[in-house]
Amino acid sequence: MKNINKDEELTEKILKGLKESFRRLIEFKKSKGTDLIVSRDGKIVRINPNDIKI
């Protein structure tokens, strides 16, 4: 049971870190006035960071 709790805690910490990284990325892109460039369905897409709600 201890290993399950530790795994759950680790998973929560990882997810929290990923969310924080994403939030910082959006803030950075907004401050620089640049778009996010992502791949969606195999195509490159530009996303205005102001269109993303965090």
Foldseek 3Di string as FASTA:
>chain_A
DVVVVVVVVVVVVVVVVVVVVVVVVLVVCVVVVAWDWDADPNDIDTHGSVVDDD
